[in-house]
Amino acid sequence: MLDNHNKRKFQRIATDCRLSYRSLADGAVHEGRCLNLSGGGLLFKGPAAVEIGYALEVSVLPDNRLTPPLDAFVEVIRCTPDGDSFEIAADIKGIKGS
């Protein structure tokens, strides 16, 4: 549903859980924290800058065992420094099946 306030197709859900991501360009793997998630994308913090347009494979790892991980392919749309880490915004391009 389109939210007229911020022109988003999907509502963001605030979260704070572990996330791992792998660059499809060079295979580098990093750990981070997922800050929010929606039906179309996510925002997370990571230790290294990622180029806009890069493809990543991400795994959002909820803290409880009842919720399965979300494994997806994403495209980076924004990367901004935030102290000693980076905030990385990405569009979800596909969900991996189990």
PDB file of N, CA and C in Angstrom:
ATOM      1  N   MET A   1       0.838  -1.168   0.000  1.00  0.00           N
ATOM      2  CA  MET A   1       0.000   0.000   0.000  1.00  0.00           C
ATOM      3  C   MET A   1       0.888   1.237   0.000  1.00  0.00           C
ATOM      4  N   LEU A   2       0.580   2.230  -0.826  1.00  0.00           N
ATOM      5  CA  LEU A   2       1.364   3.451  -0.939  1.00  0.00           C
ATOM      6  C   LEU A   2       1.064   4.372   0.230  1.00  0.00           C
ATOM      7  N   ASP A   3       2.091   4.711   0.969  1.00  0.00           N
ATOM      8  CA  ASP A   3       1.984   5.633   2.094  1.00  0.00           C
ATOM      9  C   ASP A   3       2.254   7.034   1.564  1.00  0.00           C
ATOM     10  N   ASN A   4       1.235   7.897   1.550  1.00  0.00           N
ATOM     11  CA  ASN A   4       1.379   9.233   0.984  1.00  0.00           C
ATOM     12  C   ASN A   4       2.350  10.101   1.761  1.00  0.00           C
ATOM     13  N   HIS A   5       2.557   9.813   3.033  1.00  0.00           N
ATOM     14  CA  HIS A   5       3.455  10.631   3.838  1.00  0.00           C
ATOM     15  C   HIS A   5       4.891  10.549   3.335  1.00  0.00           C
ATOM     16  N   ASN A   6       5.370   9.360   3.032  1.00  0.00           N
ATOM     17  CA  ASN A   6       6.756   9.230   2.601  1.00  0.00           C
ATOM     18  C   ASN A   6       6.900   8.571   1.231  1.00  0.00           C
ATOM     19  N   LYS A   7       5.812   8.446   0.486  1.00  0.00           N
ATOM     20  CA  LYS A   7       5.823   7.945  -0.896  1.00  0.00           C
ATOM     21  C   LYS A   7       6.412   6.543  -1.024  1.00  0.00           C
ATOM     22  N   ARG A   8       6.240   5.720  -0.023  1.00  0.00           N
ATOM     23  CA  ARG A   8       6.745   4.351  -0.071  1.00  0.00           C
ATOM     24  C   ARG A   8       5.604   3.393  -0.388  1.00  0.00           C
ATOM     25  N   LYS A   9       5.932   2.349  -1.135  1.00  0.00           N
ATOM     26  CA  LYS A   9       4.937   1.329  -1.461  1.00  0.00           C
ATOM     27  C   LYS A   9       4.620   0.458  -0.257  1.00  0.00           C
ATOM     28  N   PHE A  10       5.633   0.254   0.608  1.00  0.00           N
ATOM     29  CA  PHE A  10       5.477  -0.636   1.753  1.00  0.00           C
ATOM     30  C   PHE A  10       5.879   0.086   3.031  1.00  0.00           C
ATOM     31  N   GLN A  11       5.185  -0.227   4.115  1.00  0.00           N
ATOM     32  CA  GLN A  11       5.508   0.344   5.413  1.00  0.00           C
ATOM     33  C   GLN A  11       6.806  -0.260   5.933  1.00  0.00           C
ATOM     34  N   ARG A  12       7.653   0.564   6.524  1.00  0.00           N
ATOM     35  CA  ARG A  12       8.878   0.077   7.151  1.00  0.00           C
ATOM     36  C   ARG A  12       8.555  -0.494   8.525  1.00  0.00           C
ATOM     37  N   ILE A  13       9.223  -1.579   8.869  1.00  0.00           N
ATOM     38  CA  ILE A  13       9.096  -2.186  10.187  1.00  0.00           C
ATOM     39  C   ILE A  13      10.455  -2.053  10.870  1.00  0.00           C
ATOM     40  N   ALA A  14      10.492  -1.345  11.991  1.00  0.00           N
ATOM     41  CA  ALA A  14      11.743  -1.200  12.737  1.00  0.00           C
ATOM     42  C   ALA A  14      12.142  -2.556  13.299  1.00  0.00           C
ATOM     43  N   THR A  15      13.426  -2.855  13.217  1.00  0.00           N
ATOM     44  CA  THR A  15      13.940  -4.110  13.744  1.00  0.00           C
ATOM     45  C   THR A  15      15.364  -3.887  14.227  1.00  0.00           C
ATOM     46  N   ASP A  16      15.864  -4.790  14.987  1.00  0.00           N
ATOM     47  CA  ASP A  16      17.256  -4.758  15.423  1.00  0.00           C
ATOM     48  C   ASP A  16      17.703  -6.200  15.555  1.00  0.00           C
ATOM     49  N   CYS A  17      18.190  -6.741  14.451  1.00  0.00           N
ATOM     50  CA  CYS A  17      18.628  -8.130  14.482  1.00  0.00           C
ATOM     51  C   CYS A  17      19.875  -8.298  13.619  1.00  0.00           C
ATOM     52  N   ARG A  18      20.535  -9.420  13.825  1.00  0.00           N
ATOM     53  CA  ARG A  18      21.765  -9.707  13.084  1.00  0.00           C
ATOM     54  C   ARG A  18      21.473  -9.854  11.602  1.00  0.00           C
ATOM     55  N   LEU A  19      22.479  -9.544  10.813  1.00  0.00           N
ATOM     56  CA  LEU A  19      22.376  -9.667   9.364  1.00  0.00           C
ATOM     57  C   LEU A  19      23.763 -10.009   8.843  1.00  0.00           C
ATOM     58  N   SER A  20      23.827 -10.915   7.892  1.00  0.00           N
ATOM     59  CA  SER A  20      25.089 -11.148   7.194  1.00  0.00           C
ATOM     60  C   SER A  20      24.852 -10.821   5.728  1.00  0.00           C
ATOM     61  N   TYR A  21      25.909 -10.341   5.072  1.00  0.00           N
ATOM     62  CA  TYR A  21      25.768 -10.025   3.655  1.00  0.00           C
ATOM     63  C   TYR A  21      27.047 -10.354   2.912  1.00  0.00           C
ATOM     64  N   ARG A  22      26.844 -10.780   1.669  1.00  0.00           N
ATOM     65  CA  ARG A  22      27.955 -11.197   0.816  1.00  0.00           C
ATOM     66  C   ARG A  22      27.858 -10.450  -0.499  1.00  0.00           C
ATOM     67  N   SER A  23      28.982  -9.866  -0.893  1.00  0.00           N
ATOM     68  CA  SER A  23      29.040  -9.180  -2.180  1.00  0.00           C
ATOM     69  C   SER A  23      29.068 -10.211  -3.297  1.00  0.00           C
ATOM     70  N   LEU A  24      28.202 -10.051  -4.286  1.00  0.00           N
ATOM     71  CA  LEU A  24      28.222 -10.964  -5.425  1.00  0.00           C
ATOM     72  C   LEU A  24      29.360 -10.614  -6.371  1.00  0.00           C
ATOM     73  N   ALA A  25      29.968  -9.421  -6.212  1.00  0.00           N
ATOM     74  CA  ALA A  25      31.085  -9.007  -7.065  1.00  0.00           C
ATOM     75  C   ALA A  25      32.387  -9.685  -6.653  1.00  0.00           C
ATOM     76  N   ASP A  26      32.687  -9.698  -5.345  1.00  0.00           N
ATOM     77  CA  ASP A  26      33.975 -10.246  -4.907  1.00  0.00           C
ATOM     78  C   ASP A  26      33.864 -11.332  -3.843  1.00  0.00           C
ATOM     79  N   GLY A  27      32.665 -11.643  -3.398  1.00  0.00           N
ATOM     80  CA  GLY A  27      32.462 -12.715  -2.428  1.00  0.00           C
ATOM     81  C   GLY A  27      32.745 -12.338  -0.981  1.00  0.00           C
ATOM     82  N   ALA A  28      33.116 -11.079  -0.722  1.00  0.00           N
ATOM     83  CA  ALA A  28      33.413 -10.651   0.651  1.00  0.00           C
ATOM     84  C   ALA A  28      32.163 -10.774   1.520  1.00  0.00           C
ATOM     85  N   VAL A  29      32.335 -11.326   2.720  1.00  0.00           N
ATOM     86  CA  VAL A  29      31.226 -11.524   3.652  1.00  0.00           C
ATOM     87  C   VAL A  29      31.416 -10.608   4.858  1.00  0.00           C
ATOM     88  N   HIS A  30      30.333  -9.959   5.286  1.00  0.00           N
ATOM     89  CA  HIS A  30      30.365  -9.072   6.447  1.00  0.00           C
ATOM     90  C   HIS A  30      29.158  -9.349   7.333  1.00  0.00           C
ATOM     91  N   GLU A  31      29.280  -8.965   8.593  1.00  0.00           N
ATOM     92  CA  GLU A  31      28.185  -9.051   9.557  1.00  0.00           C
ATOM     93  C   GLU A  31      27.711  -7.639   9.862  1.00  0.00           C
ATOM     94  N   GLY A  32      26.418  -7.487  10.110  1.00  0.00           N
ATOM     95  CA  GLY A  32      25.874  -6.183  10.436  1.00  0.00           C
ATOM     96  C   GLY A  32      24.610  -6.313  11.256  1.00  0.00           C
ATOM     97  N   ARG A  33      23.854  -5.215  11.335  1.00  0.00           N
ATOM     98  CA  ARG A  33      22.585  -5.171  12.052  1.00  0.00           C
ATOM     99  C   ARG A  33      21.523  -4.622  11.130  1.00  0.00           C
ATOM    100  N   CYS A  34      20.399  -5.320  11.019  1.00  0.00           N
ATOM    101  CA  CYS A  34      19.262  -4.843  10.239  1.00  0.00           C
ATOM    102  C   CYS A  34      18.511  -3.828  11.097  1.00  0.00           C
ATOM    103  N   LEU A  35      18.292  -2.622  10.549  1.00  0.00           N
ATOM    104  CA  LEU A  35      17.624  -1.548  11.286  1.00  0.00           C
ATOM    105  C   LEU A  35      16.140  -1.465  10.969  1.00  0.00           C
ATOM    106  N   ASN A  36      15.790  -1.683   9.695  1.00  0.00           N
ATOM    107  CA  ASN A  36      14.379  -1.744   9.329  1.00  0.00           C
ATOM    108  C   ASN A  36      14.214  -2.550   8.058  1.00  0.00           C
ATOM    109  N   LEU A  37      12.972  -2.974   7.851  1.00  0.00           N
ATOM    110  CA  LEU A  37      12.665  -3.905   6.775  1.00  0.00           C
ATOM    111  C   LEU A  37      11.279  -3.575   6.246  1.00  0.00           C
ATOM    112  N   SER A  38      11.103  -3.709   4.938  1.00  0.00           N
ATOM    113  CA  SER A  38       9.774  -3.540   4.346  1.00  0.00           C
ATOM    114  C   SER A  38       9.612  -4.588   3.255  1.00  0.00           C
ATOM    115  N   GLY A  39       8.463  -4.579   2.619  1.00  0.00           N
ATOM    116  CA  GLY A  39       8.219  -5.515   1.531  1.00  0.00           C
ATOM    117  C   GLY A  39       9.089  -5.252   0.315  1.00  0.00           C
ATOM    118  N   GLY A  40       9.726  -4.094   0.258  1.00  0.00           N
ATOM    119  CA  GLY A  40      10.530  -3.747  -0.908  1.00  0.00           C
ATOM    120  C   GLY A  40      11.997  -3.508  -0.644  1.00  0.00           C
ATOM    121  N   GLY A  41      12.400  -3.441   0.630  1.00  0.00           N
ATOM    122  CA  GLY A  41      13.802  -3.152   0.896  1.00  0.00           C
ATOM    123  C   GLY A  41      14.152  -3.244   2.364  1.00  0.00           C
ATOM    124  N   LEU A  42      15.401  -2.878   2.662  1.00  0.00           N
ATOM    125  CA  LEU A  42      15.867  -2.904   4.031  1.00  0.00           C
ATOM    126  C   LEU A  42      16.952  -1.864   4.241  1.00  0.00           C
ATOM    127  N   LEU A  43      17.168  -1.522   5.495  1.00  0.00           N
ATOM    128  CA  LEU A  43      18.237  -0.626   5.908  1.00  0.00           C
ATOM    129  C   LEU A  43      19.040  -1.368   6.949  1.00  0.00           C
ATOM    130  N   PHE A  44      20.365  -1.387   6.771  1.00  0.00           N
ATOM    131  CA  PHE A  44      21.206  -2.070   7.742  1.00  0.00           C
ATOM    132  C   PHE A  44      22.513  -1.327   7.940  1.00  0.00           C
ATOM    133  N   LYS A  45      23.183  -1.643   9.043  1.00  0.00           N
ATOM    134  CA  LYS A  45      24.499  -1.092   9.342  1.00  0.00           C
ATOM    135  C   LYS A  45      25.531  -2.168   9.098  1.00  0.00           C
ATOM    136  N   GLY A  46      26.653  -1.763   8.501  1.00  0.00           N
ATOM    137  CA  GLY A  46      27.739  -2.688   8.262  1.00  0.00           C
ATOM    138  C   GLY A  46      29.074  -2.002   8.476  1.00  0.00           C
ATOM    139  N   PRO A  47      30.159  -2.787   8.561  1.00  0.00           N
ATOM    140  CA  PRO A  47      31.477  -2.243   8.866  1.00  0.00           C
ATOM    141  C   PRO A  47      32.208  -1.619   7.679  1.00  0.00           C
ATOM    142  N   ALA A  48      31.728  -1.859   6.464  1.00  0.00           N
ATOM    143  CA  ALA A  48      32.446  -1.386   5.277  1.00  0.00           C
ATOM    144  C   ALA A  48      31.482  -0.744   4.290  1.00  0.00           C
ATOM    145  N   ALA A  49      31.978   0.250   3.566  1.00  0.00           N
ATOM    146  CA  ALA A  49      31.173   0.908   2.533  1.00  0.00           C
ATOM    147  C   ALA A  49      30.884  -0.072   1.403  1.00  0.00           C
ATOM    148  N   VAL A  50      29.718   0.084   0.787  1.00  0.00           N
ATOM    149  CA  VAL A  50      29.327  -0.738  -0.359  1.00  0.00           C
ATOM    150  C   VAL A  50      28.910   0.210  -1.477  1.00  0.00           C
ATOM    151  N   GLU A  51      29.388  -0.042  -2.681  1.00  0.00           N
ATOM    152  CA  GLU A  51      29.088   0.813  -3.833  1.00  0.00           C
ATOM    153  C   GLU A  51      27.602   0.766  -4.186  1.00  0.00           C
ATOM    154  N   ILE A  52      27.049   1.921  -4.534  1.00  0.00           N
ATOM    155  CA  ILE A  52      25.674   1.981  -5.031  1.00  0.00           C
ATOM    156  C   ILE A  52      25.592   1.151  -6.307  1.00  0.00           C
ATOM    157  N   GLY A  53      24.537   0.351  -6.415  1.00  0.00           N
ATOM    158  CA  GLY A  53      24.348  -0.517  -7.568  1.00  0.00           C
ATOM    159  C   GLY A  53      24.883  -1.926  -7.374  1.00  0.00           C
ATOM    160  N   TYR A  54      25.699  -2.149  -6.325  1.00  0.00           N
ATOM    161  CA  TYR A  54      26.241  -3.485  -6.074  1.00  0.00           C
ATOM    162  C   TYR A  54      25.125  -4.453  -5.689  1.00  0.00           C
ATOM    163  N   ALA A  55      25.283  -5.686  -6.098  1.00  0.00           N
ATOM    164  CA  ALA A  55      24.363  -6.762  -5.731  1.00  0.00           C
ATOM    165  C   ALA A  55      24.925  -7.488  -4.511  1.00  0.00           C
ATOM    166  N   LEU A  56      24.061  -7.729  -3.545  1.00  0.00           N
ATOM    167  CA  LEU A  56      24.435  -8.451  -2.331  1.00  0.00           C
ATOM    168  C   LEU A  56      23.468  -9.601  -2.096  1.00  0.00           C
ATOM    169  N   GLU A  57      23.970 -10.625  -1.444  1.00  0.00           N
ATOM    170  CA  GLU A  57      23.122 -11.688  -0.911  1.00  0.00           C
ATOM    171  C   GLU A  57      23.053 -11.441   0.591  1.00  0.00           C
ATOM    172  N   VAL A  58      21.862 -11.244   1.130  1.00  0.00           N
ATOM    173  CA  VAL A  58      21.720 -10.941   2.555  1.00  0.00           C
ATOM    174  C   VAL A  58      20.944 -12.040   3.262  1.00  0.00           C
ATOM    175  N   SER A  59      21.236 -12.174   4.544  1.00  0.00           N
ATOM    176  CA  SER A  59      20.486 -13.082   5.400  1.00  0.00           C
ATOM    177  C   SER A  59      20.170 -12.330   6.687  1.00  0.00           C
ATOM    178  N   VAL A  60      18.879 -12.035   6.894  1.00  0.00           N
ATOM    179  CA  VAL A  60      18.426 -11.371   8.114  1.00  0.00           C
ATOM    180  C   VAL A  60      18.122 -12.472   9.119  1.00  0.00           C
ATOM    181  N   LEU A  61      18.768 -12.405  10.275  1.00  0.00           N
ATOM    182  CA  LEU A  61      18.715 -13.484  11.256  1.00  0.00           C
ATOM    183  C   LEU A  61      17.978 -13.033  12.517  1.00  0.00           C
ATOM    184  N   PRO A  62      16.670 -13.302  12.607  1.00  0.00           N
ATOM    185  CA  PRO A  62      15.892 -12.890  13.785  1.00  0.00           C
ATOM    186  C   PRO A  62      16.451 -13.511  15.065  1.00  0.00           C
ATOM    187  N   ASP A  63      16.236 -12.806  16.175  1.00  0.00           N
ATOM    188  CA  ASP A  63      16.752 -13.280  17.459  1.00  0.00           C
ATOM    189  C   ASP A  63      15.964 -14.458  18.023  1.00  0.00           C
ATOM    190  N   ASN A  64      14.708 -14.630  17.578  1.00  0.00           N
ATOM    191  CA  ASN A  64      13.941 -15.765  18.099  1.00  0.00           C
ATOM    192  C   ASN A  64      13.943 -16.903  17.083  1.00  0.00           C
ATOM    193  N   ARG A  65      13.809 -18.114  17.586  1.00  0.00           N
ATOM    194  CA  ARG A  65      13.871 -19.300  16.730  1.00  0.00           C
ATOM    195  C   ARG A  65      12.566 -19.567  15.980  1.00  0.00           C
ATOM    196  N   LEU A  66      11.490 -18.883  16.354  1.00  0.00           N
ATOM    197  CA  LEU A  66      10.202 -19.099  15.700  1.00  0.00           C
ATOM    198  C   LEU A  66      10.134 -18.442  14.328  1.00  0.00           C
ATOM    199  N   THR A  67      10.905 -17.386  14.141  1.00  0.00           N
ATOM    200  CA  THR A  67      10.903 -16.664  12.872  1.00  0.00           C
ATOM    201  C   THR A  67      12.086 -17.134  12.035  1.00  0.00           C
ATOM    202  N   PRO A  68      11.843 -17.639  10.833  1.00  0.00           N
ATOM    203  CA  PRO A  68      12.953 -18.105  10.000  1.00  0.00           C
ATOM    204  C   PRO A  68      13.750 -16.930   9.442  1.00  0.00           C
ATOM    205  N   PRO A  69      15.005 -17.174   9.061  1.00  0.00           N
ATOM    206  CA  PRO A  69      15.808 -16.120   8.441  1.00  0.00           C
ATOM    207  C   PRO A  69      15.187 -15.684   7.114  1.00  0.00           C
ATOM    208  N   LEU A  70      15.454 -14.453   6.735  1.00  0.00           N
ATOM    209  CA  LEU A  70      15.071 -13.951   5.421  1.00  0.00           C
ATOM    210  C   LEU A  70      16.334 -13.932   4.579  1.00  0.00           C
ATOM    211  N   ASP A  71      16.357 -14.728   3.535  1.00  0.00           N
ATOM    212  CA  ASP A  71      17.494 -14.786   2.617  1.00  0.00           C
ATOM    213  C   ASP A  71      17.067 -14.163   1.303  1.00  0.00           C
ATOM    214  N   ALA A  72      17.802 -13.139   0.861  1.00  0.00           N
ATOM    215  CA  ALA A  72      17.372 -12.394  -0.323  1.00  0.00           C
ATOM    216  C   ALA A  72      18.564 -11.855  -1.104  1.00  0.00           C
ATOM    217  N   PHE A  73      18.280 -11.498  -2.345  1.00  0.00           N
ATOM    218  CA  PHE A  73      19.232 -10.773  -3.189  1.00  0.00           C
ATOM    219  C   PHE A  73      18.766  -9.328  -3.227  1.00  0.00           C
ATOM    220  N   VAL A  74      19.706  -8.397  -3.004  1.00  0.00           N
ATOM    221  CA  VAL A  74      19.357  -6.979  -2.953  1.00  0.00           C
ATOM    222  C   VAL A  74      20.315  -6.160  -3.808  1.00  0.00           C
ATOM    223  N   GLU A  75      19.879  -4.941  -4.129  1.00  0.00           N
ATOM    224  CA  GLU A  75      20.725  -3.975  -4.831  1.00  0.00           C
ATOM    225  C   GLU A  75      20.886  -2.753  -3.938  1.00  0.00           C
ATOM    226  N   VAL A  76      22.124  -2.339  -3.707  1.00  0.00           N
ATOM    227  CA  VAL A  76      22.419  -1.193  -2.850  1.00  0.00           C
ATOM    228  C   VAL A  76      21.973   0.093  -3.540  1.00  0.00           C
ATOM    229  N   ILE A  77      21.182   0.908  -2.816  1.00  0.00           N
ATOM    230  CA  ILE A  77      20.717   2.183  -3.376  1.00  0.00           C
ATOM    231  C   ILE A  77      21.288   3.390  -2.632  1.00  0.00           C
ATOM    232  N   ARG A  78      21.842   3.154  -1.436  1.00  0.00           N
ATOM    233  CA  ARG A  78      22.444   4.249  -0.683  1.00  0.00           C
ATOM    234  C   ARG A  78      23.418   3.670   0.331  1.00  0.00           C
ATOM    235  N   CYS A  79      24.523   4.386   0.551  1.00  0.00           N
ATOM    236  CA  CYS A  79      25.494   3.994   1.569  1.00  0.00           C
ATOM    237  C   CYS A  79      26.072   5.273   2.164  1.00  0.00           C
ATOM    238  N   THR A  80      25.832   5.478   3.460  1.00  0.00           N
ATOM    239  CA  THR A  80      26.299   6.700   4.105  1.00  0.00           C
ATOM    240  C   THR A  80      27.082   6.366   5.372  1.00  0.00           C
ATOM    241  N   PRO A  81      28.186   7.096   5.612  1.00  0.00           N
ATOM    242  CA  PRO A  81      28.955   6.874   6.841  1.00  0.00           C
ATOM    243  C   PRO A  81      28.105   7.193   8.064  1.00  0.00           C
ATOM    244  N   ASP A  82      28.300   6.418   9.133  1.00  0.00           N
ATOM    245  CA  ASP A  82      27.593   6.637  10.392  1.00  0.00           C
ATOM    246  C   ASP A  82      28.546   6.254  11.521  1.00  0.00           C
ATOM    247  N   GLY A  83      29.357   7.205  11.947  1.00  0.00           N
ATOM    248  CA  GLY A  83      30.371   6.908  12.958  1.00  0.00           C
ATOM    249  C   GLY A  83      31.425   5.979  12.388  1.00  0.00           C
ATOM    250  N   ASP A  84      31.643   4.843  13.059  1.00  0.00           N
ATOM    251  CA  ASP A  84      32.649   3.887  12.589  1.00  0.00           C
ATOM    252  C   ASP A  84      32.050   2.793  11.705  1.00  0.00           C
ATOM    253  N   SER A  85      30.800   2.982  11.273  1.00  0.00           N
ATOM    254  CA  SER A  85      30.157   2.009  10.382  1.00  0.00           C
ATOM    255  C   SER A  85      29.452   2.748   9.248  1.00  0.00           C
ATOM    256  N   PHE A  86      28.658   2.025   8.486  1.00  0.00           N
ATOM    257  CA  PHE A  86      27.941   2.598   7.350  1.00  0.00           C
ATOM    258  C   PHE A  86      26.489   2.156   7.396  1.00  0.00           C
ATOM    259  N   GLU A  87      25.567   3.081   7.067  1.00  0.00           N
ATOM    260  CA  GLU A  87      24.165   2.720   6.882  1.00  0.00           C
ATOM    261  C   GLU A  87      23.967   2.421   5.407  1.00  0.00           C
ATOM    262  N   ILE A  88      23.455   1.233   5.124  1.00  0.00           N
ATOM    263  CA  ILE A  88      23.306   0.755   3.755  1.00  0.00           C
ATOM    264  C   ILE A  88      21.832   0.474   3.495  1.00  0.00           C
ATOM    265  N   ALA A  89      21.283   1.141   2.484  1.00  0.00           N
ATOM    266  CA  ALA A  89      19.894   0.922   2.083  1.00  0.00           C
ATOM    267  C   ALA A  89      19.903   0.096   0.806  1.00  0.00           C
ATOM    268  N   ALA A  90      18.987  -0.854   0.714  1.00  0.00           N
ATOM    269  CA  ALA A  90      18.964  -1.740  -0.447  1.00  0.00           C
ATOM    270  C   ALA A  90      17.539  -2.110  -0.826  1.00  0.00           C
ATOM    271  N   ASP A  91      17.329  -2.261  -2.131  1.00  0.00           N
ATOM    272  CA  ASP A  91      16.059  -2.756  -2.669  1.00  0.00           C
ATOM    273  C   ASP A  91      16.124  -4.270  -2.770  1.00  0.00           C
ATOM    274  N   ILE A  92      15.066  -4.948  -2.343  1.00  0.00           N
ATOM    275  CA  ILE A  92      14.999  -6.404  -2.478  1.00  0.00           C
ATOM    276  C   ILE A  92      14.662  -6.734  -3.924  1.00  0.00           C
ATOM    277  N   LYS A  93      15.518  -7.551  -4.549  1.00  0.00           N
ATOM    278  CA  LYS A  93      15.321  -7.952  -5.944  1.00  0.00           C
ATOM    279  C   LYS A  93      14.773  -9.364  -6.064  1.00  0.00           C
ATOM    280  N   GLY A  94      14.989 -10.185  -5.032  1.00  0.00           N
ATOM    281  CA  GLY A  94      14.486 -11.554  -5.054  1.00  0.00           C
ATOM    282  C   GLY A  94      14.672 -12.220  -3.707  1.00  0.00           C
ATOM    283  N   ILE A  95      13.745 -13.100  -3.372  1.00  0.00           N
ATOM    284  CA  ILE A  95      13.808 -13.863  -2.129  1.00  0.00           C
ATOM    285  C   ILE A  95      14.294 -15.260  -2.466  1.00  0.00           C
ATOM    286  N   LYS A  96      15.282 -15.739  -1.699  1.00  0.00           N
ATOM    287  CA  LYS A  96      15.792 -17.091  -1.918  1.00  0.00           C
ATOM    288  C   LYS A  96      14.838 -18.107  -1.306  1.00  0.00           C
ATOM    289  N   GLY A  97      14.600 -19.176  -2.015  1.00  0.00           N
ATOM    290  CA  GLY A  97      13.781 -20.267  -1.492  1.00  0.00           C
ATOM    291  C   GLY A  97      14.603 -21.152  -0.588  1.00  0.00           C
ATOM    292  N   SER A  98      13.932 -21.994   0.201  1.00  0.00           N
ATOM    293  CA  SER A  98      14.659 -22.879   1.117  1.00  0.00           C
ATOM    294  C   SER A  98      15.019 -24.177   0.466  1.00  0.00           C
TER     295      SER A  98
END
